[in-house]
């Protein structure tokens, strides 16, 4: 049963992910929604529930917007990491 509030869209963007005490890394986003992103990662040592900082660009045709979001690690699989982004108001 699908529990997402927003549709996922295939993503063609690179995400810079950083967490306290660890160097940041560039990762490829596989899909993106209004409140989540799945990124292709190798073992970054992240734990479910930990907080990370994301920076990524979204190309809107004539304009490219840079987004900076705080996210929570929702799940980790062999293929990558699912992240739930906090809303702009600071709530989930």
C-alpha atoms as a PDB file:
ATOM      1  CA  UNK A   1       0.000   0.000   0.000  1.00  0.00           C
ATOM      2  CA  UNK A   2       1.404   3.378  -1.045  1.00  0.00           C
ATOM      3  CA  UNK A   3       1.812   5.814   1.865  1.00  0.00           C
ATOM      4  CA  UNK A   4       3.339   8.780   0.074  1.00  0.00           C
ATOM      5  CA  UNK A   5       1.554  12.121   0.205  1.00  0.00           C
ATOM      6  CA  UNK A   6       3.245  13.405  -2.980  1.00  0.00           C
ATOM      7  CA  UNK A   7       4.042  11.730  -6.299  1.00  0.00           C
ATOM      8  CA  UNK A   8       7.605  10.655  -6.993  1.00  0.00           C
ATOM      9  CA  UNK A   9       9.322  11.919 -10.125  1.00  0.00           C
ATOM     10  CA  UNK A  10      12.439  10.566 -11.780  1.00  0.00           C
ATOM     11  CA  UNK A  11      15.274  12.882 -10.912  1.00  0.00           C
ATOM     12  CA  UNK A  12      18.230  14.001 -12.963  1.00  0.00           C
ATOM     13  CA  UNK A  13      20.132  15.929 -10.371  1.00  0.00           C
ATOM     14  CA  UNK A  14      23.133  15.588  -8.140  1.00  0.00           C
ATOM     15  CA  UNK A  15      22.634  16.032  -4.395  1.00  0.00           C
ATOM     16  CA  UNK A  16      25.345  17.211  -2.014  1.00  0.00           C
ATOM     17  CA  UNK A  17      24.687  15.462   1.299  1.00  0.00           C
ATOM     18  CA  UNK A  18      26.446  16.315   4.531  1.00  0.00           C
ATOM     19  CA  UNK A  19      26.034  15.319   8.147  1.00  0.00           C
ATOM     20  CA  UNK A  20      27.731  16.569  11.315  1.00  0.00           C
ATOM     21  CA  UNK A  21      31.273  15.232  11.749  1.00  0.00           C
ATOM     22  CA  UNK A  22      31.445  13.703   8.254  1.00  0.00           C
ATOM     23  CA  UNK A  23      32.730  15.049   4.967  1.00  0.00           C
ATOM     24  CA  UNK A  24      30.043  15.915   2.418  1.00  0.00           C
ATOM     25  CA  UNK A  25      29.509  13.803  -0.707  1.00  0.00           C
ATOM     26  CA  UNK A  26      27.945  14.196  -4.107  1.00  0.00           C
ATOM     27  CA  UNK A  27      25.291  11.570  -4.884  1.00  0.00           C
ATOM     28  CA  UNK A  28      22.882  11.014  -7.753  1.00  0.00           C
ATOM     29  CA  UNK A  29      19.175  11.406  -6.986  1.00  0.00           C
ATOM     30  CA  UNK A  30      17.080   8.569  -8.386  1.00  0.00           C
ATOM     31  CA  UNK A  31      13.664  10.051  -7.616  1.00  0.00           C
ATOM     32  CA  UNK A  32      12.294  13.134  -5.933  1.00  0.00           C
ATOM     33  CA  UNK A  33       8.991  14.294  -4.459  1.00  0.00           C
ATOM     34  CA  UNK A  34       7.864  17.399  -2.585  1.00  0.00           C
ATOM     35  CA  UNK A  35       8.953  15.883   0.730  1.00  0.00           C
ATOM     36  CA  UNK A  36      11.444  13.146  -0.064  1.00  0.00           C
ATOM     37  CA  UNK A  37      14.333  12.007  -2.196  1.00  0.00           C
ATOM     38  CA  UNK A  38      16.021   8.670  -2.870  1.00  0.00           C
ATOM     39  CA  UNK A  39      19.738   9.005  -3.542  1.00  0.00           C
ATOM     40  CA  UNK A  40      22.214   6.431  -4.775  1.00  0.00           C
ATOM     41  CA  UNK A  41      24.799   6.007  -2.028  1.00  0.00           C
ATOM     42  CA  UNK A  42      27.415   3.577  -0.951  1.00  0.00           C
ATOM     43  CA  UNK A  43      27.960   3.034   2.751  1.00  0.00           C
ATOM     44  CA  UNK A  44      28.120   6.541   4.219  1.00  0.00           C
ATOM     45  CA  UNK A  45      27.742   5.363   7.801  1.00  0.00           C
ATOM     46  CA  UNK A  46      24.326   6.997   8.131  1.00  0.00           C
ATOM     47  CA  UNK A  47      21.772   5.614  10.551  1.00  0.00           C
ATOM     48  CA  UNK A  48      18.000   5.590  10.216  1.00  0.00           C
ATOM     49  CA  UNK A  49      16.614   8.680  11.948  1.00  0.00           C
ATOM     50  CA  UNK A  50      19.801  10.748  11.635  1.00  0.00           C
ATOM     51  CA  UNK A  51      19.665  14.299  10.294  1.00  0.00           C
ATOM     52  CA  UNK A  52      21.500  15.386   7.132  1.00  0.00           C
ATOM     53  CA  UNK A  53      21.774  18.560   5.089  1.00  0.00           C
ATOM     54  CA  UNK A  54      20.958  18.438   1.369  1.00  0.00           C
ATOM     55  CA  UNK A  55      21.835  20.879  -1.394  1.00  0.00           C
ATOM     56  CA  UNK A  56      20.594  20.297  -4.936  1.00  0.00           C
ATOM     57  CA  UNK A  57      19.612  22.166  -8.098  1.00  0.00           C
ATOM     58  CA  UNK A  58      16.320  21.810  -9.950  1.00  0.00           C
ATOM     59  CA  UNK A  59      16.273  22.999 -13.565  1.00  0.00           C
ATOM     60  CA  UNK A  60      12.980  24.748 -14.353  1.00  0.00           C
ATOM     61  CA  UNK A  61      13.809  25.492 -17.990  1.00  0.00           C
ATOM     62  CA  UNK A  62      14.942  29.112 -18.042  1.00  0.00           C
ATOM     63  CA  UNK A  63      15.700  29.175 -14.309  1.00  0.00           C
ATOM     64  CA  UNK A  64      17.669  26.773 -12.123  1.00  0.00           C
ATOM     65  CA  UNK A  65      16.756  26.848  -8.427  1.00  0.00           C
ATOM     66  CA  UNK A  66      19.172  25.825  -5.696  1.00  0.00           C
ATOM     67  CA  UNK A  67      17.458  24.097  -2.768  1.00  0.00           C
ATOM     68  CA  UNK A  68      18.901  23.578   0.694  1.00  0.00           C
ATOM     69  CA  UNK A  69      16.935  21.258   2.954  1.00  0.00           C
ATOM     70  CA  UNK A  70      17.320  19.406   6.214  1.00  0.00           C
ATOM     71  CA  UNK A  71      16.299  15.765   5.892  1.00  0.00           C
ATOM     72  CA  UNK A  72      15.891  12.698   8.069  1.00  0.00           C
ATOM     73  CA  UNK A  73      17.213   9.302   6.958  1.00  0.00           C
ATOM     74  CA  UNK A  74      14.023   7.248   6.445  1.00  0.00           C
ATOM     75  CA  UNK A  75      15.578   4.007   5.173  1.00  0.00           C
ATOM     76  CA  UNK A  76      18.819   2.566   3.846  1.00  0.00           C
ATOM     77  CA  UNK A  77      19.027  -0.178   1.232  1.00  0.00           C
ATOM     78  CA  UNK A  78      21.826  -1.672  -0.839  1.00  0.00           C
ATOM     79  CA  UNK A  79      20.930   0.727  -3.672  1.00  0.00           C
ATOM     80  CA  UNK A  80      20.807   3.924  -1.693  1.00  0.00           C
ATOM     81  CA  UNK A  81      19.218   6.035   0.988  1.00  0.00           C
ATOM     82  CA  UNK A  82      15.661   7.336   1.293  1.00  0.00           C
ATOM     83  CA  UNK A  83      15.447  10.768   2.892  1.00  0.00           C
ATOM     84  CA  UNK A  84      12.399  12.602   4.217  1.00  0.00           C
ATOM     85  CA  UNK A  85      12.857  16.345   3.823  1.00  0.00           C
ATOM     86  CA  UNK A  86      11.562  18.719   6.425  1.00  0.00           C
ATOM     87  CA  UNK A  87       9.045  21.210   5.089  1.00  0.00           C
ATOM     88  CA  UNK A  88       9.888  24.868   4.664  1.00  0.00           C
ATOM     89  CA  UNK A  89       8.043  25.612   7.911  1.00  0.00           C
ATOM     90  CA  UNK A  90      10.353  23.265   9.848  1.00  0.00           C
ATOM     91  CA  UNK A  91       7.776  20.523  10.463  1.00  0.00           C
ATOM     92  CA  UNK A  92       7.618  17.122   8.851  1.00  0.00           C
END
